[in-house]
Amino acid sequence: MGKITWKPGTLVYPIPAVLVSCGTMENANLFTVAWTGTICTDPAMTYISVRPERFSYDIIKENMEFVINLTNEELAYATDFAGVRSGKDMNKFEKLNLTKEKATKVNCPMIKESPVSIECKVVEIKELGSHHMFMAEVLAVNVDEKYFDENDRFCMEECNLITYSHGKYYTLGKELGKFGYSVKK
């Protein structure tokens, strides 16, 4: 049995399902993004890709900053809801009972319930077609202190982060190995 060839598409899965917050503490919005990732480690850079017709697109373009809030199992419903409802029709923070938390480097809020919030400053917008990529420098990473152990090690595996894969949300599974395990003696 062989492989079946499909038309070009984006089947690089799983990918993170995150809540992006933007705007200001007084006038904030949040929406779901699955098109995000690392660009560079030094300087620390990330991106989100957003359709220009999305309500948050103009907010980010005007303020040139946003926060990527990683999501976990407890935030799965909010993650889905924020991706299918528009902030032009409602205050999603209020509707989802999420708490705005003041960021340390940007004016838009973080989501208090998120285990990890990444503050970002846009450095370039690349218009790529259906989505425009907001390339951003990471200004700060904020981690909920409950995910640190007694040795001050961040235990990311305890966050119960979720991913998105081909139309469905999943929690991360079991550890298969540590970086470099294939060559360790």
N, C-alpha and C. Protein backbone atom coordinates (compact mmCIF):
# COMPACT_ATOMS: atom_id res chain seq x y z
N MET A 1 0.84 -1.18 0.00
CA MET A 1 0.00 0.00 0.00
C MET A 1 0.89 1.24 0.00
N GLY A 2 0.58 2.23 -0.84
CA GLY A 2 1.39 3.43 -0.96
C GLY A 2 0.68 4.66 -0.42
N LYS A 3 1.31 5.79 -0.64
CA LYS A 3 0.74 7.07 -0.23
C LYS A 3 -0.17 7.60 -1.32
N ILE A 4 -1.19 8.34 -0.91
CA ILE A 4 -2.11 8.99 -1.83
C ILE A 4 -1.74 10.47 -1.89
N THR A 5 -1.59 11.02 -3.07
CA THR A 5 -1.20 12.42 -3.22
C THR A 5 -2.43 13.31 -3.21
N TRP A 6 -2.39 14.36 -2.38
CA TRP A 6 -3.46 15.35 -2.31
C TRP A 6 -2.97 16.65 -2.91
N LYS A 7 -3.89 17.58 -3.09
CA LYS A 7 -3.52 18.92 -3.52
C LYS A 7 -2.70 19.58 -2.40
N PRO A 8 -1.94 20.63 -2.71
CA PRO A 8 -1.15 21.30 -1.67
C PRO A 8 -2.03 21.77 -0.52
N GLY A 9 -1.55 21.59 0.67
CA GLY A 9 -2.29 22.00 1.87
C GLY A 9 -1.36 22.09 3.06
N THR A 10 -1.93 22.43 4.18
CA THR A 10 -1.15 22.61 5.40
C THR A 10 -1.50 21.53 6.41
N LEU A 11 -0.81 20.43 6.32
CA LEU A 11 -1.05 19.32 7.23
C LEU A 11 0.13 19.09 8.17
N VAL A 12 0.79 20.17 8.57
CA VAL A 12 1.86 20.05 9.55
C VAL A 12 1.19 20.09 10.93
N TYR A 13 0.87 18.92 11.46
CA TYR A 13 0.18 18.80 12.73
C TYR A 13 0.93 17.85 13.64
N PRO A 14 0.74 17.91 14.94
CA PRO A 14 -0.07 18.86 15.68
C PRO A 14 0.63 20.22 15.80
N ILE A 15 -0.17 21.22 16.12
CA ILE A 15 0.35 22.58 16.32
C ILE A 15 -0.25 23.13 17.61
N PRO A 16 0.38 24.15 18.18
CA PRO A 16 -0.18 24.71 19.41
C PRO A 16 -1.52 25.38 19.14
N ALA A 17 -2.42 25.29 20.09
CA ALA A 17 -3.66 26.07 20.06
C ALA A 17 -3.53 27.08 21.19
N VAL A 18 -3.39 28.35 20.84
CA VAL A 18 -3.13 29.39 21.84
C VAL A 18 -4.21 30.45 21.80
N LEU A 19 -4.34 31.17 22.90
CA LEU A 19 -5.19 32.34 22.95
C LEU A 19 -4.29 33.56 22.87
N VAL A 20 -4.54 34.41 21.90
CA VAL A 20 -3.75 35.63 21.74
C VAL A 20 -4.58 36.79 22.27
N SER A 21 -3.99 37.57 23.17
CA SER A 21 -4.67 38.76 23.67
C SER A 21 -4.01 39.98 23.05
N CYS A 22 -4.85 41.00 22.81
CA CYS A 22 -4.36 42.21 22.17
C CYS A 22 -5.19 43.39 22.64
N GLY A 23 -4.78 44.59 22.25
CA GLY A 23 -5.49 45.80 22.66
C GLY A 23 -4.87 46.36 23.92
N THR A 24 -5.72 46.89 24.79
CA THR A 24 -5.26 47.47 26.06
C THR A 24 -6.02 46.82 27.21
N MET A 25 -5.61 47.10 28.43
CA MET A 25 -6.32 46.57 29.59
C MET A 25 -7.78 47.00 29.57
N GLU A 26 -8.05 48.24 29.13
CA GLU A 26 -9.41 48.76 29.11
C GLU A 26 -10.21 48.26 27.91
N ASN A 27 -9.54 48.03 26.81
CA ASN A 27 -10.22 47.65 25.57
C ASN A 27 -9.47 46.49 24.92
N ALA A 28 -9.63 45.32 25.50
CA ALA A 28 -8.86 44.14 25.07
C ALA A 28 -9.73 43.18 24.27
N ASN A 29 -9.07 42.40 23.47
CA ASN A 29 -9.72 41.29 22.78
C ASN A 29 -8.82 40.08 22.88
N LEU A 30 -9.40 38.92 22.66
CA LEU A 30 -8.61 37.69 22.56
C LEU A 30 -9.21 36.83 21.48
N PHE A 31 -8.35 36.04 20.86
CA PHE A 31 -8.78 35.15 19.80
C PHE A 31 -7.84 33.96 19.75
N THR A 32 -8.29 32.91 19.09
CA THR A 32 -7.53 31.67 19.00
C THR A 32 -6.64 31.69 17.77
N VAL A 33 -5.41 31.22 17.95
CA VAL A 33 -4.47 31.09 16.85
C VAL A 33 -3.84 29.70 16.94
N ALA A 34 -3.80 29.03 15.82
CA ALA A 34 -3.07 27.76 15.76
C ALA A 34 -1.85 27.90 14.85
N TRP A 35 -1.74 29.01 14.17
CA TRP A 35 -0.61 29.25 13.28
C TRP A 35 0.39 30.12 14.02
N THR A 36 1.21 29.48 14.82
CA THR A 36 2.20 30.19 15.63
C THR A 36 3.39 29.27 15.85
N GLY A 37 4.52 29.86 16.18
CA GLY A 37 5.70 29.05 16.44
C GLY A 37 6.93 29.91 16.65
N THR A 38 8.05 29.23 16.74
CA THR A 38 9.34 29.86 16.97
C THR A 38 9.96 30.27 15.64
N ILE A 39 10.54 31.45 15.61
CA ILE A 39 11.30 31.90 14.43
C ILE A 39 12.79 31.82 14.72
N CYS A 40 13.17 32.25 15.92
CA CYS A 40 14.58 32.40 16.24
C CYS A 40 14.75 32.35 17.76
N THR A 41 15.91 31.85 18.22
CA THR A 41 16.15 31.83 19.66
C THR A 41 16.97 33.03 20.14
N ASP A 42 17.81 33.58 19.27
CA ASP A 42 18.64 34.72 19.69
C ASP A 42 18.74 35.72 18.55
N PRO A 43 17.94 36.77 18.55
CA PRO A 43 17.01 37.14 19.63
C PRO A 43 15.77 36.24 19.61
N ALA A 44 15.14 36.13 20.76
CA ALA A 44 13.93 35.31 20.86
C ALA A 44 12.83 35.95 20.02
N MET A 45 12.37 35.18 19.02
CA MET A 45 11.32 35.68 18.13
C MET A 45 10.29 34.60 17.86
N THR A 46 9.06 35.04 17.66
CA THR A 46 7.94 34.16 17.38
C THR A 46 7.07 34.81 16.32
N TYR A 47 5.98 34.16 15.98
CA TYR A 47 5.05 34.73 15.02
C TYR A 47 3.64 34.23 15.29
N ILE A 48 2.68 34.99 14.78
CA ILE A 48 1.32 34.49 14.63
C ILE A 48 0.88 34.86 13.22
N SER A 49 0.11 34.00 12.59
CA SER A 49 -0.44 34.31 11.28
C SER A 49 -1.93 34.52 11.43
N VAL A 50 -2.42 35.66 10.90
CA VAL A 50 -3.80 36.09 11.12
C VAL A 50 -4.41 36.51 9.79
N ARG A 51 -5.65 36.13 9.59
CA ARG A 51 -6.38 36.60 8.41
C ARG A 51 -6.69 38.09 8.59
N PRO A 52 -6.48 38.92 7.55
CA PRO A 52 -6.73 40.36 7.67
C PRO A 52 -8.17 40.72 8.04
N GLU A 53 -9.12 39.84 7.73
CA GLU A 53 -10.51 40.15 8.06
C GLU A 53 -10.87 39.89 9.53
N ARG A 54 -9.97 39.27 10.28
CA ARG A 54 -10.24 39.02 11.70
C ARG A 54 -10.27 40.33 12.47
N PHE A 55 -11.15 40.42 13.44
CA PHE A 55 -11.33 41.62 14.26
C PHE A 55 -10.02 42.05 14.91
N SER A 56 -9.24 41.11 15.39
CA SER A 56 -7.99 41.42 16.10
C SER A 56 -6.86 41.88 15.19
N TYR A 57 -6.98 41.61 13.89
CA TYR A 57 -5.91 41.97 12.97
C TYR A 57 -5.58 43.46 13.06
N ASP A 58 -6.59 44.31 12.94
CA ASP A 58 -6.36 45.77 12.97
C ASP A 58 -5.87 46.23 14.34
N ILE A 59 -6.35 45.59 15.40
CA ILE A 59 -5.90 45.95 16.75
C ILE A 59 -4.40 45.70 16.88
N ILE A 60 -3.95 44.54 16.42
CA ILE A 60 -2.52 44.23 16.50
C ILE A 60 -1.72 45.13 15.57
N LYS A 61 -2.22 45.35 14.39
CA LYS A 61 -1.51 46.20 13.43
C LYS A 61 -1.34 47.62 13.97
N GLU A 62 -2.36 48.13 14.66
CA GLU A 62 -2.30 49.48 15.22
C GLU A 62 -1.35 49.56 16.42
N ASN A 63 -1.42 48.59 17.32
CA ASN A 63 -0.63 48.62 18.56
C ASN A 63 0.74 47.95 18.43
N MET A 64 0.89 47.08 17.43
CA MET A 64 2.15 46.37 17.16
C MET A 64 2.64 45.55 18.35
N GLU A 65 1.70 44.95 19.07
CA GLU A 65 2.05 44.06 20.18
C GLU A 65 0.88 43.12 20.46
N PHE A 66 1.21 42.00 21.11
CA PHE A 66 0.22 41.01 21.49
C PHE A 66 0.84 40.09 22.53
N VAL A 67 0.01 39.25 23.14
CA VAL A 67 0.49 38.24 24.09
C VAL A 67 -0.01 36.88 23.61
N ILE A 68 0.91 35.93 23.50
CA ILE A 68 0.55 34.54 23.22
C ILE A 68 0.37 33.85 24.57
N ASN A 69 -0.84 33.39 24.83
CA ASN A 69 -1.17 32.68 26.08
C ASN A 69 -1.32 31.21 25.76
N LEU A 70 -0.41 30.38 26.28
CA LEU A 70 -0.52 28.94 26.04
C LEU A 70 -1.77 28.43 26.74
N THR A 71 -2.38 27.41 26.15
CA THR A 71 -3.63 26.90 26.69
C THR A 71 -3.46 25.46 27.17
N ASN A 72 -4.28 25.13 28.15
CA ASN A 72 -4.25 23.79 28.72
C ASN A 72 -5.65 23.20 28.69
N GLU A 73 -5.77 22.03 29.27
CA GLU A 73 -7.04 21.32 29.24
C GLU A 73 -8.17 22.16 29.85
N GLU A 74 -7.87 22.91 30.90
CA GLU A 74 -8.88 23.75 31.54
C GLU A 74 -9.34 24.90 30.64
N LEU A 75 -8.51 25.29 29.69
CA LEU A 75 -8.84 26.39 28.78
C LEU A 75 -9.32 25.91 27.41
N ALA A 76 -9.54 24.61 27.25
CA ALA A 76 -9.92 24.07 25.94
C ALA A 76 -11.23 24.67 25.42
N TYR A 77 -12.25 24.76 26.25
CA TYR A 77 -13.52 25.34 25.82
C TYR A 77 -13.33 26.78 25.39
N ALA A 78 -12.63 27.57 26.20
CA ALA A 78 -12.38 28.98 25.87
C ALA A 78 -11.58 29.11 24.59
N THR A 79 -10.63 28.21 24.39
CA THR A 79 -9.80 28.24 23.18
C THR A 79 -10.67 28.03 21.95
N ASP A 80 -11.55 27.06 22.00
CA ASP A 80 -12.42 26.82 20.86
C ASP A 80 -13.39 27.99 20.65
N PHE A 81 -14.03 28.43 21.72
CA PHE A 81 -15.02 29.51 21.64
C PHE A 81 -14.41 30.79 21.07
N ALA A 82 -13.23 31.15 21.55
CA ALA A 82 -12.58 32.38 21.10
C ALA A 82 -12.18 32.32 19.64
N GLY A 83 -12.13 31.13 19.07
CA GLY A 83 -11.80 30.97 17.66
C GLY A 83 -13.00 30.99 16.73
N VAL A 84 -14.20 30.84 17.28
CA VAL A 84 -15.39 30.80 16.44
C VAL A 84 -16.35 31.96 16.69
N ARG A 85 -16.02 32.81 17.64
CA ARG A 85 -16.82 34.00 17.93
C ARG A 85 -15.95 35.24 17.79
N SER A 86 -16.55 36.34 17.34
CA SER A 86 -15.79 37.56 17.10
C SER A 86 -15.86 38.53 18.28
N GLY A 87 -14.73 39.17 18.54
CA GLY A 87 -14.66 40.20 19.57
C GLY A 87 -15.42 41.46 19.20
N LYS A 88 -15.79 41.60 17.95
CA LYS A 88 -16.60 42.77 17.58
C LYS A 88 -18.03 42.62 18.11
N ASP A 89 -18.43 41.39 18.43
CA ASP A 89 -19.79 41.12 18.90
C ASP A 89 -19.90 40.98 20.41
N MET A 90 -18.78 40.83 21.10
CA MET A 90 -18.84 40.60 22.55
C MET A 90 -17.46 40.80 23.17
N ASN A 91 -17.46 40.94 24.48
CA ASN A 91 -16.22 40.96 25.25
C ASN A 91 -15.93 39.52 25.63
N LYS A 92 -14.98 38.90 24.96
CA LYS A 92 -14.71 37.48 25.19
C LYS A 92 -14.09 37.22 26.56
N PHE A 93 -13.35 38.17 27.11
CA PHE A 93 -12.84 37.99 28.47
C PHE A 93 -14.01 37.79 29.43
N GLU A 94 -15.02 38.66 29.34
CA GLU A 94 -16.19 38.56 30.23
C GLU A 94 -17.00 37.31 29.93
N LYS A 95 -17.29 37.07 28.65
CA LYS A 95 -18.11 35.93 28.26
C LYS A 95 -17.51 34.61 28.73
N LEU A 96 -16.18 34.50 28.70
CA LEU A 96 -15.49 33.26 29.08
C LEU A 96 -15.00 33.25 30.52
N ASN A 97 -15.32 34.30 31.27
CA ASN A 97 -14.89 34.41 32.68
C ASN A 97 -13.38 34.29 32.82
N LEU A 98 -12.66 34.94 31.91
CA LEU A 98 -11.21 34.95 31.98
C LEU A 98 -10.75 36.28 32.59
N THR A 99 -9.64 36.22 33.29
CA THR A 99 -9.14 37.37 34.02
C THR A 99 -8.01 38.05 33.27
N LYS A 100 -8.16 39.36 33.05
CA LYS A 100 -7.08 40.14 32.46
C LYS A 100 -6.01 40.36 33.53
N GLU A 101 -4.77 40.16 33.13
CA GLU A 101 -3.65 40.37 34.05
C GLU A 101 -2.66 41.32 33.37
N LYS A 102 -2.20 42.31 34.09
CA LYS A 102 -1.29 43.30 33.53
C LYS A 102 0.02 42.64 33.12
N ALA A 103 0.43 42.91 31.89
CA ALA A 103 1.71 42.41 31.38
C ALA A 103 2.85 43.27 31.91
N THR A 104 4.07 42.79 31.75
CA THR A 104 5.22 43.53 32.27
C THR A 104 5.88 44.43 31.24
N LYS A 105 5.72 44.13 29.94
CA LYS A 105 6.42 44.88 28.88
C LYS A 105 5.52 45.46 27.81
N VAL A 106 4.30 44.94 27.67
CA VAL A 106 3.37 45.43 26.65
C VAL A 106 2.10 45.94 27.33
N ASN A 107 1.30 46.67 26.58
CA ASN A 107 0.09 47.27 27.13
C ASN A 107 -1.12 46.35 27.10
N CYS A 108 -1.09 45.31 26.27
CA CYS A 108 -2.23 44.41 26.23
C CYS A 108 -2.15 43.43 27.41
N PRO A 109 -3.30 42.92 27.82
CA PRO A 109 -3.31 42.04 28.99
C PRO A 109 -2.87 40.61 28.67
N MET A 110 -2.43 39.96 29.72
CA MET A 110 -2.21 38.51 29.68
C MET A 110 -3.49 37.87 30.19
N ILE A 111 -3.62 36.58 30.02
CA ILE A 111 -4.74 35.83 30.59
C ILE A 111 -4.22 35.15 31.85
N LYS A 112 -4.76 35.55 32.99
CA LYS A 112 -4.29 35.03 34.28
C LYS A 112 -4.38 33.50 34.34
N GLU A 113 -5.40 32.92 33.75
CA GLU A 113 -5.62 31.47 33.82
C GLU A 113 -4.67 30.68 32.92
N SER A 114 -3.93 31.34 32.07
CA SER A 114 -2.98 30.65 31.19
C SER A 114 -1.72 30.28 31.97
N PRO A 115 -1.19 29.08 31.76
CA PRO A 115 0.03 28.69 32.47
C PRO A 115 1.26 29.49 32.03
N VAL A 116 1.29 29.92 30.76
CA VAL A 116 2.44 30.65 30.22
C VAL A 116 1.91 31.75 29.30
N SER A 117 2.39 32.98 29.53
CA SER A 117 2.02 34.12 28.68
C SER A 117 3.29 34.74 28.13
N ILE A 118 3.33 34.92 26.81
CA ILE A 118 4.54 35.38 26.12
C ILE A 118 4.25 36.76 25.52
N GLU A 119 4.91 37.78 26.05
CA GLU A 119 4.71 39.15 25.60
C GLU A 119 5.53 39.41 24.34
N CYS A 120 4.88 39.96 23.31
CA CYS A 120 5.50 40.10 21.99
C CYS A 120 5.34 41.50 21.43
N LYS A 121 6.39 41.98 20.77
CA LYS A 121 6.40 43.26 20.07
C LYS A 121 6.62 42.98 18.59
N VAL A 122 5.68 43.40 17.74
CA VAL A 122 5.76 43.14 16.30
C VAL A 122 6.93 43.91 15.70
N VAL A 123 7.75 43.20 14.92
CA VAL A 123 8.87 43.84 14.22
C VAL A 123 8.66 43.88 12.71
N GLU A 124 7.78 43.02 12.21
CA GLU A 124 7.51 42.99 10.78
C GLU A 124 6.19 42.27 10.51
N ILE A 125 5.48 42.75 9.49
CA ILE A 125 4.26 42.08 9.04
C ILE A 125 4.50 41.62 7.61
N LYS A 126 4.39 40.33 7.39
CA LYS A 126 4.58 39.77 6.05
C LYS A 126 3.21 39.37 5.51
N GLU A 127 2.83 39.98 4.39
CA GLU A 127 1.55 39.66 3.75
C GLU A 127 1.78 38.46 2.84
N LEU A 128 1.22 37.32 3.22
CA LEU A 128 1.56 36.06 2.56
C LEU A 128 0.43 35.44 1.75
N GLY A 129 -0.72 36.03 1.72
CA GLY A 129 -1.87 35.42 1.05
C GLY A 129 -3.06 35.46 1.98
N SER A 130 -3.64 34.29 2.26
CA SER A 130 -4.83 34.26 3.13
C SER A 130 -4.53 34.78 4.53
N HIS A 131 -3.30 34.64 4.99
CA HIS A 131 -2.88 35.10 6.31
C HIS A 131 -1.69 36.05 6.19
N HIS A 132 -1.62 36.97 7.13
CA HIS A 132 -0.45 37.83 7.25
C HIS A 132 0.29 37.40 8.51
N MET A 133 1.61 37.31 8.40
CA MET A 133 2.42 36.86 9.52
C MET A 133 2.93 38.07 10.31
N PHE A 134 2.59 38.11 11.59
CA PHE A 134 3.12 39.10 12.51
C PHE A 134 4.36 38.50 13.16
N MET A 135 5.53 38.92 12.68
CA MET A 135 6.79 38.46 13.26
C MET A 135 7.09 39.36 14.45
N ALA A 136 7.45 38.75 15.57
CA ALA A 136 7.57 39.53 16.80
C ALA A 136 8.75 39.11 17.65
N GLU A 137 9.32 40.09 18.32
CA GLU A 137 10.36 39.83 19.32
C GLU A 137 9.66 39.49 20.63
N VAL A 138 10.16 38.48 21.31
CA VAL A 138 9.63 38.11 22.62
C VAL A 138 10.28 39.05 23.64
N LEU A 139 9.44 39.80 24.35
CA LEU A 139 9.95 40.76 25.34
C LEU A 139 9.99 40.16 26.74
N ALA A 140 9.07 39.23 27.03
CA ALA A 140 9.02 38.61 28.36
C ALA A 140 8.20 37.33 28.28
N VAL A 141 8.54 36.39 29.14
CA VAL A 141 7.78 35.15 29.29
C VAL A 141 7.35 35.08 30.75
N ASN A 142 6.05 34.92 30.97
CA ASN A 142 5.48 34.89 32.31
C ASN A 142 4.90 33.50 32.57
N VAL A 143 5.39 32.83 33.62
CA VAL A 143 4.99 31.46 33.92
C VAL A 143 4.34 31.42 35.30
N ASP A 144 3.20 30.77 35.39
CA ASP A 144 2.51 30.61 36.66
C ASP A 144 3.42 29.85 37.62
N GLU A 145 3.63 30.42 38.81
CA GLU A 145 4.57 29.84 39.77
C GLU A 145 4.19 28.44 40.24
N LYS A 146 2.93 28.05 40.07
CA LYS A 146 2.54 26.70 40.51
C LYS A 146 3.17 25.59 39.67
N TYR A 147 3.78 25.97 38.53
CA TYR A 147 4.42 24.97 37.66
C TYR A 147 5.93 24.85 37.89
N PHE A 148 6.41 25.36 39.01
CA PHE A 148 7.81 25.21 39.38
C PHE A 148 7.92 24.20 40.52
N ASP A 149 8.97 23.37 40.47
CA ASP A 149 9.16 22.40 41.55
C ASP A 149 10.02 23.00 42.65
N GLU A 150 10.35 22.20 43.65
CA GLU A 150 11.13 22.67 44.81
C GLU A 150 12.54 23.11 44.44
N ASN A 151 13.03 22.69 43.27
CA ASN A 151 14.36 23.09 42.80
C ASN A 151 14.30 24.26 41.82
N ASP A 152 13.13 24.90 41.73
CA ASP A 152 12.90 26.04 40.83
C ASP A 152 12.98 25.66 39.36
N ARG A 153 12.70 24.40 39.05
CA ARG A 153 12.66 23.95 37.66
C ARG A 153 11.24 24.09 37.14
N PHE A 154 11.10 24.70 35.97
CA PHE A 154 9.79 24.83 35.34
C PHE A 154 9.37 23.47 34.82
N CYS A 155 8.26 22.97 35.31
CA CYS A 155 7.74 21.65 34.93
C CYS A 155 6.63 21.83 33.89
N MET A 156 7.03 22.13 32.68
CA MET A 156 6.08 22.40 31.61
C MET A 156 5.13 21.22 31.39
N GLU A 157 5.61 20.02 31.63
CA GLU A 157 4.78 18.83 31.44
C GLU A 157 3.57 18.82 32.38
N GLU A 158 3.61 19.60 33.46
CA GLU A 158 2.49 19.68 34.40
C GLU A 158 1.40 20.65 33.94
N CYS A 159 1.66 21.41 32.88
CA CYS A 159 0.70 22.42 32.40
C CYS A 159 -0.50 21.81 31.68
N ASN A 160 -0.40 20.56 31.25
CA ASN A 160 -1.47 19.91 30.47
C ASN A 160 -1.82 20.72 29.23
N LEU A 161 -0.79 21.14 28.50
CA LEU A 161 -0.99 21.94 27.30
C LEU A 161 -1.77 21.16 26.24
N ILE A 162 -2.51 21.93 25.42
CA ILE A 162 -3.29 21.30 24.36
C ILE A 162 -2.71 21.66 23.00
N THR A 163 -3.03 20.81 22.03
CA THR A 163 -2.63 21.04 20.65
C THR A 163 -3.86 20.92 19.76
N TYR A 164 -3.69 21.33 18.54
CA TYR A 164 -4.74 21.24 17.52
C TYR A 164 -4.19 20.36 16.40
N SER A 165 -5.00 19.41 15.96
CA SER A 165 -4.55 18.54 14.89
C SER A 165 -5.73 18.16 14.01
N HIS A 166 -5.70 18.66 12.79
CA HIS A 166 -6.67 18.29 11.76
C HIS A 166 -8.12 18.43 12.25
N GLY A 167 -8.42 19.59 12.86
CA GLY A 167 -9.78 19.89 13.27
C GLY A 167 -10.17 19.47 14.68
N LYS A 168 -9.22 18.93 15.44
CA LYS A 168 -9.54 18.47 16.80
C LYS A 168 -8.47 18.94 17.78
N TYR A 169 -8.87 19.04 19.05
CA TYR A 169 -7.95 19.43 20.14
C TYR A 169 -7.53 18.17 20.90
N TYR A 170 -6.26 18.17 21.32
CA TYR A 170 -5.71 17.04 22.08
C TYR A 170 -4.84 17.55 23.21
N THR A 171 -4.75 16.78 24.28
CA THR A 171 -3.74 17.05 25.29
C THR A 171 -2.46 16.35 24.85
N LEU A 172 -1.35 16.82 25.35
CA LEU A 172 -0.08 16.17 25.01
C LEU A 172 0.00 14.83 25.71
N GLY A 173 0.65 13.87 25.09
CA GLY A 173 0.72 12.51 25.62
C GLY A 173 1.96 12.24 26.44
N LYS A 174 2.34 11.00 26.45
CA LYS A 174 3.47 10.55 27.27
C LYS A 174 4.80 10.98 26.65
N GLU A 175 5.79 11.11 27.51
CA GLU A 175 7.15 11.43 27.05
C GLU A 175 7.75 10.21 26.37
N LEU A 176 8.38 10.44 25.22
CA LEU A 176 9.01 9.35 24.48
C LEU A 176 10.53 9.34 24.62
N GLY A 177 11.08 10.46 25.03
CA GLY A 177 12.52 10.57 25.17
C GLY A 177 12.90 12.01 25.40
N LYS A 178 14.12 12.21 25.83
CA LYS A 178 14.65 13.55 26.08
C LYS A 178 15.57 13.92 24.92
N PHE A 179 15.66 15.22 24.60
CA PHE A 179 16.50 15.66 23.50
C PHE A 179 17.87 15.01 23.59
N GLY A 180 18.29 14.36 22.51
CA GLY A 180 19.59 13.69 22.43
C GLY A 180 19.57 12.24 22.89
N TYR A 181 18.41 11.72 23.28
CA TYR A 181 18.38 10.35 23.79
C TYR A 181 18.82 9.32 22.75
N SER A 182 18.67 9.65 21.48
CA SER A 182 19.03 8.69 20.42
C SER A 182 20.53 8.48 20.29
N VAL A 183 21.33 9.37 20.81
CA VAL A 183 22.78 9.25 20.71
C VAL A 183 23.47 9.12 22.06
N LYS A 184 22.66 9.13 23.13
CA LYS A 184 23.23 9.06 24.47
C LYS A 184 23.79 7.66 24.72
N LYS A 185 24.94 7.61 25.38
CA LYS A 185 25.57 6.32 25.69
C LYS A 185 25.30 5.91 27.10
